[in-house]
């Protein structure tokens, strides 16, 4: 019992020490940032020569500098700021980070990799390449790929192919979200070398930042034997406004797969009703609720479309089309009348 009491007391003392230490560290960090944030602003945005008086005097001040640089790197996309951050990190943090990459603790290595990626450091490329040959964990491999993406882009795709079976779809998407035009072109050219998870993730991301190059890449995928690839390609196209081959997309109205028919309804949603009325008159009779519901929703978005819904409700002999038309007219201003 006495030993248990002593253990509880020691634990309490230890946690009190940690709390005091963290409070003291935070106070030092806050004081450093309050005193020097204007000088850092001048260095990062106005390219004023770096004043070495800004260098840290203790670990807490170094953490303050890292926190400040991380904030700039995540929130300011100006290339001048990125260059200044990289210049500082390459000059003053390389030696410390090289040691940290060899630390036995997983958390220390991962945090260091995060910073190398965010600061776009190039002075540790040799160490990064060596670690990529034998990553100690999935998370470490993912973080190494992020660094390749930013500072070794010519080698990124080859390393991605080597490591891709260890990645989740979410991790693929995280990598693809911030790729350069150069890397994107490499992935488009080597798309068939990606595993299915990587292919699906890349298609989804193409829909988010769609260019003409992305659109034509997605159009080519509509000939795939994999229905999931076709569905995702159509869905990605529905996020944009480009329609380069109307007839090719319309051919999916007759698809046996209802998700493909649904995507046709989504793709043409941004087109004027007078151009797409026939499309939606066909889709509103679809046997699958999701498809006819989407067709009715799109028609309900403007006056001309609502007139089409009123005509369908009054004259169609398709009970489901009449019901869904009525449902959406009741939701809209002006209603059925």
Protein backbone atom coordinates (compact mmCIF):
# COMPACT_ATOMS: atom_id res chain seq x y z
CA UNK A 1 0.00 0.00 0.00
CA UNK A 2 2.85 2.36 0.90
CA UNK A 3 4.57 1.60 -2.42
CA UNK A 4 1.34 2.41 -4.28
CA UNK A 5 1.03 5.73 -2.43
CA UNK A 6 4.65 6.62 -3.27
CA UNK A 7 4.01 5.74 -6.92
CA UNK A 8 0.94 8.00 -7.05
CA UNK A 9 2.89 10.86 -5.48
CA UNK A 10 5.78 10.45 -7.92
CA UNK A 11 3.39 10.38 -10.87
CA UNK A 12 1.72 13.55 -9.62
CA UNK A 13 5.11 15.28 -9.23
CA UNK A 14 6.17 14.16 -12.72
CA UNK A 15 3.00 15.44 -14.41
CA UNK A 16 3.22 18.71 -12.51
CA UNK A 17 6.80 19.07 -13.77
CA UNK A 18 5.67 18.42 -17.35
CA UNK A 19 2.85 20.92 -17.07
CA UNK A 20 5.19 23.56 -15.65
CA UNK A 21 7.77 22.81 -18.36
CA UNK A 22 5.20 23.13 -21.16
CA UNK A 23 3.84 26.35 -19.67
CA UNK A 24 7.35 27.81 -19.46
CA UNK A 25 8.15 26.65 -23.02
CA UNK A 26 4.98 28.23 -24.39
CA UNK A 27 5.77 31.50 -22.63
CA UNK A 28 9.24 31.58 -24.18
CA UNK A 29 7.83 30.78 -27.63
CA UNK A 30 5.14 33.46 -27.34
CA UNK A 31 7.69 36.04 -26.17
CA UNK A 32 10.01 35.24 -29.09
CA UNK A 33 7.23 35.54 -31.68
CA UNK A 34 5.88 38.76 -30.18
CA UNK A 35 9.36 40.31 -30.23
CA UNK A 36 10.48 39.15 -33.67
CA UNK A 37 7.44 38.55 -35.89
CA UNK A 38 7.92 41.86 -37.75
CA UNK A 39 11.57 41.04 -38.55
CA UNK A 40 10.53 37.63 -39.87
CA UNK A 41 7.85 39.28 -41.97
CA UNK A 42 10.47 41.57 -43.50
CA UNK A 43 12.78 38.62 -44.26
CA UNK A 44 10.09 36.35 -45.68
CA UNK A 45 7.99 38.79 -47.71
CA UNK A 46 10.33 41.69 -48.45
CA UNK A 47 13.53 39.65 -48.81
CA UNK A 48 15.41 41.75 -46.28
CA UNK A 49 18.81 40.04 -45.56
CA UNK A 50 18.50 37.61 -42.68
CA UNK A 51 19.57 39.00 -39.32
CA UNK A 52 21.36 36.27 -37.36
CA UNK A 53 20.21 37.90 -34.14
CA UNK A 54 16.92 36.16 -34.93
CA UNK A 55 18.51 32.73 -34.41
CA UNK A 56 17.39 30.77 -31.39
CA UNK A 57 19.08 30.86 -28.03
CA UNK A 58 17.37 27.74 -26.70
CA UNK A 59 15.13 24.86 -27.79
CA UNK A 60 11.93 26.78 -27.06
CA UNK A 61 12.96 29.62 -29.37
CA UNK A 62 13.81 27.13 -32.11
CA UNK A 63 10.34 25.65 -31.75
CA UNK A 64 8.92 29.17 -32.04
CA UNK A 65 10.82 29.71 -35.30
CA UNK A 66 9.60 26.38 -36.67
CA UNK A 67 6.01 27.19 -35.70
CA UNK A 68 6.27 30.56 -37.41
CA UNK A 69 7.76 29.10 -40.60
CA UNK A 70 5.14 26.32 -40.67
CA UNK A 71 2.37 28.90 -40.39
CA UNK A 72 3.77 30.89 -43.33
CA UNK A 73 4.38 27.79 -45.46
CA UNK A 74 0.80 26.53 -44.97
CA UNK A 75 -1.02 29.84 -45.33
CA UNK A 76 1.02 31.93 -47.78
CA UNK A 77 1.47 30.56 -51.29
CA UNK A 78 3.73 33.37 -52.51
CA UNK A 79 6.80 31.78 -54.22
CA UNK A 80 9.05 34.44 -52.67
CA UNK A 81 8.00 33.33 -49.19
CA UNK A 82 8.57 29.66 -50.07
CA UNK A 83 12.04 30.51 -51.39
CA UNK A 84 12.96 32.45 -48.27
CA UNK A 85 11.74 29.67 -45.98
CA UNK A 86 13.74 27.08 -47.91
CA UNK A 87 16.84 29.28 -47.87
CA UNK A 88 16.66 29.69 -44.10
CA UNK A 89 15.91 26.02 -43.41
CA UNK A 90 18.67 24.77 -45.72
CA UNK A 91 21.18 27.12 -44.07
CA UNK A 92 20.32 26.82 -40.40
CA UNK A 93 18.28 23.64 -39.82
CA UNK A 94 20.08 21.03 -41.93
CA UNK A 95 22.49 19.82 -39.24
CA UNK A 96 19.78 19.45 -36.57
CA UNK A 97 17.37 17.73 -38.94
CA UNK A 98 20.03 15.33 -40.19
CA UNK A 99 20.50 14.14 -36.61
CA UNK A 100 16.75 13.94 -36.02
CA UNK A 101 16.27 11.71 -39.08
CA UNK A 102 18.50 9.13 -37.39
CA UNK A 103 16.62 9.29 -34.09
CA UNK A 104 15.27 5.96 -32.86
CA UNK A 105 11.95 7.53 -31.93
CA UNK A 106 9.34 7.29 -34.69
CA UNK A 107 7.64 10.56 -33.68
CA UNK A 108 10.88 12.54 -33.94
CA UNK A 109 11.60 11.23 -37.45
CA UNK A 110 8.02 11.84 -38.65
CA UNK A 111 7.94 15.41 -37.29
CA UNK A 112 11.26 16.10 -38.96
CA UNK A 113 10.01 14.75 -42.29
CA UNK A 114 6.93 16.99 -41.98
CA UNK A 115 9.15 20.02 -41.60
CA UNK A 116 11.51 19.07 -44.42
CA UNK A 117 8.48 18.73 -46.73
CA UNK A 118 6.85 21.96 -45.58
CA UNK A 119 10.08 23.92 -45.82
CA UNK A 120 10.96 22.38 -49.23
CA UNK A 121 14.50 21.62 -48.01
CA UNK A 122 16.99 20.32 -50.59
CA UNK A 123 20.11 19.87 -48.47
CA UNK A 124 18.97 16.50 -47.10
CA UNK A 125 18.15 14.82 -50.42
CA UNK A 126 20.81 12.16 -49.91
CA UNK A 127 19.37 11.18 -46.53
CA UNK A 128 15.84 11.20 -47.95
CA UNK A 129 16.82 8.91 -50.83
CA UNK A 130 18.55 6.55 -48.42
CA UNK A 131 15.50 6.42 -46.13
CA UNK A 132 13.17 5.81 -49.11
CA UNK A 133 15.04 2.58 -49.82
CA UNK A 134 13.98 1.19 -46.45
CA UNK A 135 11.18 3.22 -44.79
CA UNK A 136 10.52 1.96 -41.27
CA UNK A 137 6.75 2.51 -41.39
CA UNK A 138 3.93 3.27 -43.80
CA UNK A 139 3.61 6.80 -42.42
CA UNK A 140 7.34 7.37 -42.90
CA UNK A 141 7.14 6.19 -46.51
CA UNK A 142 4.20 8.52 -47.17
CA UNK A 143 6.06 11.51 -45.74
CA UNK A 144 9.13 10.68 -47.79
CA UNK A 145 6.97 10.66 -50.93
CA UNK A 146 5.71 14.14 -50.04
CA UNK A 147 9.30 15.35 -49.95
CA UNK A 148 10.01 13.74 -53.33
CA UNK A 149 6.95 15.52 -54.69
CA UNK A 150 8.33 18.93 -53.71
CA UNK A 151 12.10 18.67 -54.01
CA UNK A 152 12.79 15.57 -56.15
CA UNK A 153 9.87 15.73 -58.63
CA UNK A 154 11.75 13.93 -61.42
CA UNK A 155 12.02 10.86 -59.19
CA UNK A 156 8.57 11.08 -57.59
CA UNK A 157 6.61 8.83 -59.95
CA UNK A 158 9.16 6.01 -59.89
CA UNK A 159 9.18 6.07 -56.08
CA UNK A 160 5.38 6.22 -56.01
CA UNK A 161 5.18 3.07 -58.14
CA UNK A 162 7.63 1.28 -55.83
CA UNK A 163 5.66 2.20 -52.71
CA UNK A 164 2.08 2.48 -53.98
CA UNK A 165 0.77 -0.79 -52.55
CA UNK A 166 1.40 0.60 -49.05
CA UNK A 167 -0.80 3.67 -49.60
CA UNK A 168 -4.48 4.19 -48.87
CA UNK A 169 -6.77 6.06 -51.25
CA UNK A 170 -6.73 9.00 -48.83
CA UNK A 171 -2.92 9.11 -48.90
CA UNK A 172 -2.89 8.96 -52.70
CA UNK A 173 -5.28 11.92 -52.77
CA UNK A 174 -3.15 13.89 -50.32
CA UNK A 175 -0.18 13.43 -52.63
CA UNK A 176 -2.11 14.26 -55.81
CA UNK A 177 -3.76 17.40 -54.42
CA UNK A 178 -0.65 19.55 -54.69
CA UNK A 179 1.21 18.14 -57.70
CA UNK A 180 2.94 20.36 -60.23
CA UNK A 181 1.99 20.41 -63.91
CA UNK A 182 5.16 18.45 -64.64
CA UNK A 183 4.30 15.66 -62.19
CA UNK A 184 0.66 15.57 -63.34
CA UNK A 185 1.76 15.02 -66.94
CA UNK A 186 4.02 12.18 -65.83
CA UNK A 187 1.13 10.52 -63.96
CA UNK A 188 -1.27 10.93 -66.89
CA UNK A 189 1.30 9.32 -69.20
CA UNK A 190 1.89 6.45 -66.74
CA UNK A 191 -1.69 6.13 -65.47
CA UNK A 192 -1.95 2.42 -66.30
CA UNK A 193 1.06 1.71 -64.08
CA UNK A 194 -0.83 2.86 -60.99
CA UNK A 195 -2.70 0.29 -58.98
CA UNK A 196 -6.51 0.57 -58.87
CA UNK A 197 -6.51 2.56 -55.63
CA UNK A 198 -4.09 5.08 -57.12
CA UNK A 199 -6.04 5.31 -60.37
CA UNK A 200 -9.31 5.98 -58.57
CA UNK A 201 -7.69 8.62 -56.37
CA UNK A 202 -6.06 10.39 -59.32
CA UNK A 203 -9.34 10.54 -61.25
CA UNK A 204 -11.13 12.06 -58.26
CA UNK A 205 -8.47 14.74 -57.87
CA UNK A 206 -8.59 15.57 -61.58
CA UNK A 207 -12.22 16.53 -61.06
CA UNK A 208 -11.28 19.06 -58.36
CA UNK A 209 -8.80 21.11 -60.43
CA UNK A 210 -9.94 20.35 -63.92
CA UNK A 211 -8.04 21.73 -66.91
CA UNK A 212 -8.50 20.91 -70.59
CA UNK A 213 -5.66 18.40 -70.21
CA UNK A 214 -7.51 16.74 -67.33
CA UNK A 215 -10.76 16.70 -69.29
CA UNK A 216 -9.27 14.96 -72.32
CA UNK A 217 -7.49 12.52 -70.02
CA UNK A 218 -10.84 11.73 -68.36
CA UNK A 219 -12.57 11.38 -71.72
CA UNK A 220 -10.02 8.74 -72.74
CA UNK A 221 -10.90 6.75 -69.63
CA UNK A 222 -14.51 6.37 -70.77
CA UNK A 223 -13.31 3.49 -72.97
CA UNK A 224 -12.01 1.58 -69.94
CA UNK A 225 -13.26 -1.96 -69.27
CA UNK A 226 -13.39 -1.06 -65.55
CA UNK A 227 -16.84 0.36 -64.77
CA UNK A 228 -15.53 2.02 -61.60
CA UNK A 229 -13.01 3.97 -63.67
CA UNK A 230 -15.72 5.05 -66.11
CA UNK A 231 -18.06 6.13 -63.30
CA UNK A 232 -15.33 8.09 -61.54
CA UNK A 233 -14.22 9.72 -64.79
CA UNK A 234 -17.79 10.82 -65.51
CA UNK A 235 -18.19 12.06 -61.94
CA UNK A 236 -14.93 14.01 -62.20
CA UNK A 237 -16.14 15.63 -65.43
CA UNK A 238 -19.41 16.61 -63.74
CA UNK A 239 -17.39 18.83 -61.38
CA UNK A 240 -16.24 20.98 -64.31
CA UNK A 241 -17.91 22.77 -67.19
CA UNK A 242 -16.03 21.36 -70.19
CA UNK A 243 -17.94 19.09 -72.58
CA UNK A 244 -15.80 18.32 -75.60
CA UNK A 245 -17.79 15.39 -77.00
CA UNK A 246 -21.48 15.63 -76.16
CA UNK A 247 -22.44 12.52 -78.11
CA UNK A 248 -19.86 10.34 -76.36
CA UNK A 249 -21.21 11.33 -72.96
CA UNK A 250 -24.83 10.99 -74.07
CA UNK A 251 -24.13 7.40 -75.09
CA UNK A 252 -24.14 6.53 -71.38
CA UNK A 253 -27.88 7.26 -71.20
CA UNK A 254 -28.29 3.72 -72.51
CA UNK A 255 -25.81 2.21 -70.06
CA UNK A 256 -26.82 -0.86 -68.05
CA UNK A 257 -25.09 0.73 -65.05
CA UNK A 258 -27.34 3.27 -63.33
CA UNK A 259 -24.44 5.23 -61.81
CA UNK A 260 -23.25 6.05 -65.34
CA UNK A 261 -26.72 7.31 -66.27
CA UNK A 262 -26.76 9.37 -63.06
CA UNK A 263 -23.46 11.02 -64.02
CA UNK A 264 -24.90 12.05 -67.39
CA UNK A 265 -27.57 13.97 -65.48
CA UNK A 266 -24.89 15.68 -63.38
CA UNK A 267 -22.58 16.53 -66.29
CA UNK A 268 -25.22 18.46 -68.25
CA UNK A 269 -26.61 20.25 -65.18
CA UNK A 270 -24.72 23.46 -65.96
CA UNK A 271 -25.94 23.66 -69.58
CA UNK A 272 -28.97 25.75 -70.62
CA UNK A 273 -32.28 23.87 -70.53
CA UNK A 274 -33.01 24.47 -74.21
CA UNK A 275 -29.85 22.50 -75.05
CA UNK A 276 -30.54 19.61 -72.71
CA UNK A 277 -34.32 19.28 -72.48
CA UNK A 278 -34.38 16.01 -74.44
CA UNK A 279 -31.65 14.59 -72.20
CA UNK A 280 -33.60 15.26 -69.03
CA UNK A 281 -36.94 14.15 -70.49
CA UNK A 282 -35.30 10.77 -71.08
CA UNK A 283 -33.55 10.60 -67.69
CA UNK A 284 -36.62 11.56 -65.67
CA UNK A 285 -38.21 8.28 -66.83
CA UNK A 286 -35.26 6.22 -65.58
CA UNK A 287 -36.24 3.10 -63.57
CA UNK A 288 -33.77 4.05 -60.82
CA UNK A 289 -34.97 6.67 -58.32
CA UNK A 290 -31.55 8.35 -57.98
CA UNK A 291 -31.36 9.06 -61.72
CA UNK A 292 -34.86 10.45 -62.21
CA UNK A 293 -34.55 12.41 -58.95
CA UNK A 294 -31.36 14.08 -60.22
CA UNK A 295 -33.00 14.83 -63.57
CA UNK A 296 -35.95 16.50 -61.83
CA UNK A 297 -33.64 18.39 -59.47
CA UNK A 298 -31.67 19.86 -62.38
CA UNK A 299 -34.84 20.87 -64.23
CA UNK A 300 -36.20 22.54 -61.11
CA UNK A 301 -33.26 24.96 -60.95
CA UNK A 302 -34.56 27.45 -63.54
CA UNK A 303 -37.83 28.72 -65.00
CA UNK A 304 -37.56 26.87 -68.32
CA UNK A 305 -36.78 23.62 -66.53
CA UNK A 306 -39.77 24.04 -64.24
CA UNK A 307 -41.95 24.52 -67.31
CA UNK A 308 -40.67 21.14 -68.56
CA UNK A 309 -41.56 19.57 -65.21
CA UNK A 310 -45.08 21.00 -65.42
CA UNK A 311 -45.47 19.58 -68.92
CA UNK A 312 -44.24 16.16 -67.78
CA UNK A 313 -46.62 16.20 -64.82
CA UNK A 314 -49.59 17.12 -67.02
CA UNK A 315 -48.92 14.94 -70.05
CA UNK A 316 -46.56 12.06 -69.26
CA UNK A 317 -47.89 8.54 -68.95
CA UNK A 318 -44.88 7.58 -66.80
CA UNK A 319 -46.12 7.51 -63.20
CA UNK A 320 -42.62 7.80 -61.71
CA UNK A 321 -41.76 10.80 -63.90
CA UNK A 322 -45.02 12.49 -62.91
CA UNK A 323 -44.44 11.83 -59.21
CA UNK A 324 -40.88 13.17 -59.16
CA UNK A 325 -41.88 16.22 -61.22
CA UNK A 326 -44.64 17.02 -58.75
CA UNK A 327 -42.30 16.53 -55.78
CA UNK A 328 -39.76 19.05 -57.07
CA UNK A 329 -42.36 21.57 -58.23
CA UNK A 330 -43.84 21.57 -54.74
CA UNK A 331 -40.40 22.47 -53.36
CA UNK A 332 -39.84 25.45 -55.68
CA UNK A 333 -41.14 28.99 -55.69
CA UNK A 334 -44.29 29.16 -57.77
CA UNK A 335 -45.02 25.51 -57.11
CA UNK A 336 -47.09 23.45 -59.50
CA UNK A 337 -49.19 26.33 -60.84
